[in-house]
Amino acid sequence: MSFYSAYGCVLKSALPLPELLVGQGKADIFIEIDHRECIASHEPSPILCASASLNRVHLTWGAVGDLLIEEGHQIIVLPHPDADEDALRLFVLGAGMGVLFHQRGLLVFHASGVVIHDRIVGFIGAKGWGKSTTAAALHQRGHALISDELLVVRFDDRDQPLVMPGSPQMRLWSDALVSTGGDPDTALRVRSGVDKFNVNAANIAVEALPFHSLYLLDAGEEFAIQSLTTSEAFFGVVPHLYGCRFGIQFLNSTDVSRTFQNLSLLLKKITVKRLSRPWSLNQLPAISQRIEQDILHELQ
């Protein structure tokens, strides 16, 4: 068992998690390995929800294994006999932690975020639309990373939203890695056979910080930033709630009303904008600069 720190929590894990910082103190998340038979198929498949209730969720990933996430405190890993450890770590740190924090009543987005002027700026969008890449480009310009893949939000006693610091790593596809100065020949793949790499952030946030704005990434012939109405923001953001990846049955079984109440509260506290741009890695420096200017204009 080793201890790690992430999202304001201490994890005690039987599965090595080198992506995370070393943790100290009393653990409040426990990750165990159980070698009983899993239901995961022998063939690769998407991550699926096998069953869900208010206090227990069973996820399965073909050729990797199963996760049992219980009470917002425990993840039991049932490895497939042929699973490699890299895939199991992805499973736990992605879907497993996303569901665990959902069980705790926190808002969890499939998103990336950085610190700009001591506030969190997040990026959401469809798979491959550049969430991690945009965060990496801003990080390269000196902005600390708060989290990649999972953006976990809690509210303080004044109902102000705070984003919790996650893993100090970013996951970048090879072309994005090269565009931000990395080398695929020396970088560590997130798992065997996948052209995506773990990149250690040079500058990370170490405490929860106020959530300021969220950009919904979209395609466009020209660069444009458009403020969204509350209803536009709601329907634009909902698909990127982590629980939504498992469908309406999962949400209904795990207290969807609480999730949407928290989302409605969040949208009263932050700005949500649509960021349209032609997708070219060569445009990343210009896009990053325009985002910085947009945030600075709002704060003045």
Protein backbone atom coordinates (compact mmCIF):
# COMPACT_ATOMS: atom_id res chain seq x y z
CA MET A 1 0.00 0.00 0.00
CA SER A 2 1.24 3.48 -0.91
CA PHE A 3 -0.15 6.93 -0.09
CA TYR A 4 -0.89 9.61 -2.69
CA SER A 5 -2.42 13.09 -2.80
CA ALA A 6 -4.95 14.39 -5.33
CA TYR A 7 -8.08 16.56 -5.39
CA GLY A 8 -7.59 17.58 -1.77
CA CYS A 9 -7.67 13.93 -0.64
CA VAL A 10 -5.20 11.33 0.58
CA LEU A 11 -5.38 8.01 -1.27
CA LYS A 12 -4.18 4.69 0.11
CA SER A 13 -3.68 2.41 -2.87
CA ALA A 14 -2.59 -1.16 -3.53
CA LEU A 15 -2.22 -0.16 -7.18
CA PRO A 16 0.87 2.00 -7.83
CA LEU A 17 -0.16 5.48 -9.03
CA PRO A 18 3.08 7.24 -10.03
CA GLU A 19 1.08 9.94 -11.83
CA LEU A 20 0.09 11.40 -8.45
CA LEU A 21 2.01 13.28 -5.78
CA VAL A 22 3.07 11.42 -2.63
CA GLY A 23 0.50 11.86 0.14
CA GLN A 24 0.70 12.01 3.92
CA GLY A 25 -1.83 11.80 6.72
CA LYS A 26 -5.06 9.92 7.19
CA ALA A 27 -6.40 8.39 3.98
CA ASP A 28 -9.98 9.04 2.93
CA ILE A 29 -9.92 7.13 -0.39
CA PHE A 30 -8.96 3.47 -0.48
CA ILE A 31 -8.01 1.56 -3.65
CA GLU A 32 -7.84 -2.20 -3.34
CA ILE A 33 -7.13 -5.05 -5.74
CA ASP A 34 -9.37 -8.12 -5.71
CA HIS A 35 -8.58 -11.08 -7.97
CA ARG A 36 -12.06 -12.54 -8.03
CA GLU A 37 -13.43 -13.03 -11.54
CA CYS A 38 -14.46 -9.86 -13.37
CA ILE A 39 -17.20 -9.59 -15.99
CA ALA A 40 -15.08 -7.59 -18.45
CA SER A 41 -15.01 -9.17 -21.89
CA HIS A 42 -11.81 -10.50 -23.46
CA GLU A 43 -12.24 -8.07 -26.37
CA PRO A 44 -11.43 -4.34 -26.10
CA SER A 45 -14.55 -2.21 -25.57
CA PRO A 46 -15.57 1.19 -24.21
CA ILE A 47 -15.94 1.69 -20.47
CA LEU A 48 -19.50 0.73 -19.53
CA CYS A 49 -21.63 0.93 -16.42
CA ALA A 50 -22.78 -2.58 -15.49
CA SER A 51 -24.92 -1.39 -12.57
CA ALA A 52 -25.42 1.70 -10.43
CA SER A 53 -27.12 2.65 -7.20
CA LEU A 54 -26.81 5.60 -4.86
CA ASN A 55 -23.85 4.08 -3.00
CA ARG A 56 -22.31 1.56 -5.41
CA VAL A 57 -21.32 1.66 -9.08
CA HIS A 58 -19.92 -1.22 -11.11
CA LEU A 59 -17.90 -0.24 -14.19
CA THR A 60 -16.43 -2.65 -16.72
CA TRP A 61 -13.83 -2.17 -19.45
CA GLY A 62 -13.22 -4.92 -21.99
CA ALA A 63 -9.77 -6.57 -21.74
CA VAL A 64 -8.91 -4.38 -18.72
CA GLY A 65 -11.24 -5.32 -15.86
CA ASP A 66 -13.93 -4.03 -13.52
CA LEU A 67 -14.16 -1.33 -10.87
CA LEU A 68 -16.50 -1.34 -7.89
CA ILE A 69 -16.83 2.24 -6.58
CA GLU A 70 -18.50 2.41 -3.19
CA GLU A 71 -19.72 5.15 -0.84
CA GLY A 72 -17.43 7.81 -2.33
CA HIS A 73 -14.48 6.32 -0.45
CA GLN A 74 -13.45 3.00 -1.97
CA ILE A 75 -12.48 1.62 -5.37
CA ILE A 76 -12.08 -2.14 -5.71
CA VAL A 77 -10.12 -3.14 -8.81
CA LEU A 78 -10.94 -6.50 -10.41
CA PRO A 79 -8.23 -6.90 -13.07
CA HIS A 80 -8.75 -8.85 -16.26
CA PRO A 81 -6.12 -11.63 -16.43
CA ASP A 82 -4.49 -9.98 -19.46
CA ALA A 83 -4.71 -6.37 -18.28
CA ASP A 84 -1.57 -4.27 -18.07
CA GLU A 85 -0.99 -1.96 -15.13
CA ASP A 86 -0.98 1.19 -17.28
CA ALA A 87 -4.56 0.49 -18.42
CA LEU A 88 -5.70 -0.23 -14.86
CA ARG A 89 -4.24 3.10 -13.69
CA LEU A 90 -6.06 4.94 -16.48
CA PHE A 91 -9.26 3.20 -15.44
CA VAL A 92 -8.90 4.12 -11.78
CA LEU A 93 -7.65 7.70 -12.23
CA GLY A 94 -10.22 8.47 -14.92
CA ALA A 95 -13.59 6.73 -14.69
CA GLY A 96 -13.05 5.41 -11.17
CA MET A 97 -12.18 8.75 -9.58
CA GLY A 98 -14.77 10.56 -11.68
CA VAL A 99 -17.55 8.32 -10.35
CA LEU A 100 -16.19 8.41 -6.78
CA PHE A 101 -16.33 12.22 -6.66
CA HIS A 102 -19.78 12.13 -8.28
CA GLN A 103 -20.86 9.88 -5.38
CA ARG A 104 -19.56 12.56 -2.99
CA GLY A 105 -21.88 15.13 -4.53
CA LEU A 106 -19.12 17.09 -6.25
CA LEU A 107 -19.38 18.40 -9.80
CA VAL A 108 -17.03 16.48 -12.06
CA PHE A 109 -16.31 17.56 -15.63
CA HIS A 110 -14.37 15.83 -18.38
CA ALA A 111 -12.24 18.93 -18.80
CA SER A 112 -8.85 20.55 -18.31
CA GLY A 113 -7.97 23.71 -16.43
CA VAL A 114 -5.19 26.20 -15.73
CA VAL A 115 -4.63 29.13 -13.39
CA ILE A 116 -4.86 32.62 -14.89
CA HIS A 117 -4.64 35.59 -12.47
CA ASP A 118 -5.22 33.27 -9.48
CA ARG A 119 -8.48 31.96 -10.95
CA ILE A 120 -9.32 28.74 -12.71
CA VAL A 121 -10.10 28.74 -16.41
CA GLY A 122 -11.44 25.45 -17.74
CA PHE A 123 -11.82 23.93 -21.21
CA ILE A 124 -14.48 21.45 -22.30
CA GLY A 125 -15.28 19.99 -25.69
CA ALA A 126 -15.80 16.79 -27.61
CA LYS A 127 -13.07 14.15 -27.67
CA GLY A 128 -10.14 15.36 -29.74
CA TRP A 129 -11.17 19.03 -29.67
CA GLY A 130 -8.09 20.15 -27.76
CA LYS A 131 -8.95 20.44 -24.07
CA SER A 132 -5.59 19.13 -22.88
CA THR A 133 -3.74 20.75 -25.78
CA THR A 134 -5.14 24.21 -25.02
CA ALA A 135 -4.30 23.80 -21.33
CA ALA A 136 -0.78 22.65 -22.27
CA ALA A 137 -0.27 25.67 -24.53
CA LEU A 138 -1.29 28.03 -21.72
CA HIS A 139 0.88 26.09 -19.28
CA GLN A 140 3.81 26.61 -21.65
CA ARG A 141 3.13 30.36 -21.34
CA GLY A 142 3.59 30.17 -17.56
CA HIS A 143 0.12 29.31 -16.25
CA ALA A 144 -0.05 26.58 -13.61
CA LEU A 145 -2.00 23.40 -14.33
CA ILE A 146 -4.85 22.66 -11.91
CA SER A 147 -5.96 19.39 -13.52
CA ASP A 148 -6.25 17.52 -16.79
CA GLU A 149 -9.01 15.08 -17.81
CA LEU A 150 -11.02 15.56 -14.59
CA LEU A 151 -12.06 18.97 -13.28
CA VAL A 152 -13.53 18.49 -9.79
CA VAL A 153 -15.57 21.34 -8.30
CA ARG A 154 -16.76 21.86 -4.73
CA PHE A 155 -18.57 24.79 -3.13
CA ASP A 156 -17.37 26.60 -0.03
CA ASP A 157 -19.62 27.79 2.81
CA ARG A 158 -20.54 30.87 0.76
CA ASP A 159 -21.49 28.73 -2.28
CA GLN A 160 -18.43 29.90 -4.19
CA PRO A 161 -17.11 27.22 -6.58
CA LEU A 162 -13.56 26.00 -6.07
CA VAL A 163 -11.61 23.68 -8.37
CA MET A 164 -9.55 20.97 -6.66
CA PRO A 165 -5.93 20.36 -7.75
CA GLY A 166 -5.64 17.00 -9.51
CA SER A 167 -2.84 15.02 -11.11
CA PRO A 168 0.31 17.01 -11.98
CA GLN A 169 0.34 15.44 -15.44
CA MET A 170 -1.19 16.21 -18.81
CA ARG A 171 -2.08 13.64 -21.48
CA LEU A 172 -1.23 14.74 -25.01
CA TRP A 173 -1.49 13.13 -28.42
CA SER A 174 1.82 12.94 -30.26
CA ASP A 175 1.17 15.93 -32.56
CA ALA A 176 0.17 18.10 -29.60
CA LEU A 177 3.19 16.88 -27.66
CA VAL A 178 5.51 17.95 -30.48
CA SER A 179 3.78 21.32 -30.82
CA THR A 180 4.44 22.08 -27.15
CA GLY A 181 8.09 21.08 -27.34
CA GLY A 182 7.94 17.42 -26.34
CA ASP A 183 9.51 14.38 -27.97
CA PRO A 184 7.39 11.23 -28.54
CA ASP A 185 10.55 9.12 -28.71
CA THR A 186 11.41 9.86 -25.09
CA ALA A 187 7.98 10.59 -23.58
CA LEU A 188 6.05 7.94 -21.63
CA ARG A 189 2.93 6.56 -23.32
CA VAL A 190 -0.25 6.50 -21.24
CA ARG A 191 -0.55 2.81 -22.22
CA SER A 192 0.96 0.44 -24.75
CA GLY A 193 -0.29 0.84 -28.31
CA VAL A 194 -1.85 4.28 -27.75
CA ASP A 195 -0.30 7.37 -29.39
CA LYS A 196 -0.91 9.50 -26.28
CA PHE A 197 1.69 10.51 -23.73
CA ASN A 198 1.97 11.60 -20.09
CA VAL A 199 3.66 14.98 -19.66
CA ASN A 200 4.73 16.24 -16.24
CA ALA A 201 3.61 19.82 -15.65
CA ALA A 202 6.43 22.14 -14.64
CA ASN A 203 4.07 24.41 -12.69
CA ILE A 204 1.06 23.08 -10.78
CA ALA A 205 -1.58 24.49 -8.46
CA VAL A 206 -1.38 22.91 -5.00
CA GLU A 207 -4.59 24.25 -3.44
CA ALA A 208 -8.21 24.75 -4.44
CA LEU A 209 -8.78 27.99 -6.34
CA PRO A 210 -11.87 29.96 -7.42
CA PHE A 211 -13.53 28.81 -10.62
CA HIS A 212 -13.80 31.82 -12.94
CA SER A 213 -14.76 30.71 -16.44
CA LEU A 214 -15.31 27.78 -18.73
CA TYR A 215 -14.67 27.74 -22.48
CA LEU A 216 -16.61 25.36 -24.71
CA LEU A 217 -14.25 24.52 -27.59
CA ASP A 218 -15.79 24.47 -31.06
CA ALA A 219 -14.79 24.66 -34.71
CA GLY A 220 -14.97 27.85 -36.74
CA GLU A 221 -13.44 29.45 -39.80
CA GLU A 222 -12.22 32.35 -37.67
CA PHE A 223 -11.31 32.81 -34.03
CA ALA A 224 -14.27 34.03 -31.97
CA ILE A 225 -15.33 34.10 -28.31
CA GLN A 226 -19.07 34.28 -27.67
CA SER A 227 -20.76 34.62 -24.28
CA LEU A 228 -23.56 32.11 -23.74
CA THR A 229 -26.91 32.63 -22.08
CA THR A 230 -27.68 30.59 -18.97
CA SER A 231 -29.74 28.08 -20.96
CA GLU A 232 -27.14 27.84 -23.73
CA ALA A 233 -24.47 27.30 -21.11
CA PHE A 234 -26.50 24.64 -19.32
CA PHE A 235 -27.13 22.53 -22.41
CA GLY A 236 -23.59 23.14 -23.66
CA VAL A 237 -22.00 21.99 -20.41
CA VAL A 238 -24.26 19.04 -19.47
CA PRO A 239 -22.73 16.55 -21.97
CA HIS A 240 -19.34 17.13 -20.34
CA LEU A 241 -20.43 16.23 -16.82
CA TYR A 242 -18.53 13.06 -16.08
CA GLY A 243 -21.61 11.10 -15.06
CA CYS A 244 -23.29 11.81 -18.39
CA ARG A 245 -20.88 9.50 -20.19
CA PHE A 246 -22.78 6.58 -18.61
CA GLY A 247 -26.26 7.73 -19.64
CA ILE A 248 -29.48 8.82 -18.01
CA GLN A 249 -29.98 5.53 -16.14
CA PHE A 250 -26.69 6.08 -14.31
CA LEU A 251 -27.66 9.65 -13.42
CA ASN A 252 -31.11 8.66 -12.20
CA SER A 253 -29.59 5.90 -10.04
CA THR A 254 -27.00 8.21 -8.48
CA ASP A 255 -29.09 11.29 -7.58
CA VAL A 256 -29.21 13.34 -10.77
CA SER A 257 -31.20 16.10 -9.00
CA ARG A 258 -28.23 16.94 -6.79
CA THR A 259 -25.93 17.09 -9.83
CA PHE A 260 -28.18 19.48 -11.73
CA GLN A 261 -28.79 21.64 -8.66
CA ASN A 262 -25.04 22.06 -8.27
CA LEU A 263 -24.64 22.77 -11.98
CA SER A 264 -27.35 25.46 -11.85
CA LEU A 265 -25.57 27.04 -8.88
CA LEU A 266 -22.24 26.92 -10.70
CA LEU A 267 -23.62 28.65 -13.79
CA LYS A 268 -24.70 31.59 -11.60
CA LYS A 269 -21.13 32.00 -10.39
CA ILE A 270 -18.95 31.57 -13.50
CA THR A 271 -18.96 32.70 -17.11
CA VAL A 272 -19.34 30.17 -19.91
CA LYS A 273 -18.23 31.08 -23.41
CA ARG A 274 -18.01 29.35 -26.76
CA LEU A 275 -14.50 29.52 -28.19
CA SER A 276 -14.56 28.89 -31.94
CA ARG A 277 -11.35 28.55 -33.89
CA PRO A 278 -9.85 26.85 -36.91
CA TRP A 279 -8.12 23.80 -35.47
CA SER A 280 -4.45 24.16 -36.25
CA LEU A 281 -1.65 23.49 -33.80
CA ASN A 282 0.22 26.38 -35.37
CA GLN A 283 -2.48 28.69 -34.01
CA LEU A 284 -2.00 27.65 -30.38
CA PRO A 285 0.18 30.62 -29.33
CA ALA A 286 -2.31 33.09 -30.84
CA ILE A 287 -5.28 31.28 -29.30
CA SER A 288 -3.59 31.24 -25.90
CA GLN A 289 -2.89 34.94 -26.10
CA ARG A 290 -6.52 35.72 -27.00
CA ILE A 291 -7.74 33.69 -24.02
CA GLU A 292 -5.39 35.61 -21.71
CA GLN A 293 -6.67 38.91 -23.12
CA ASP A 294 -10.29 37.83 -22.71
CA ILE A 295 -9.78 36.90 -19.05
CA LEU A 296 -7.88 40.12 -18.33
CA HIS A 297 -10.67 42.18 -19.95
CA GLU A 298 -13.27 40.53 -17.70
CA LEU A 299 -11.24 41.21 -14.57
CA GLN A 300 -10.67 44.89 -15.30
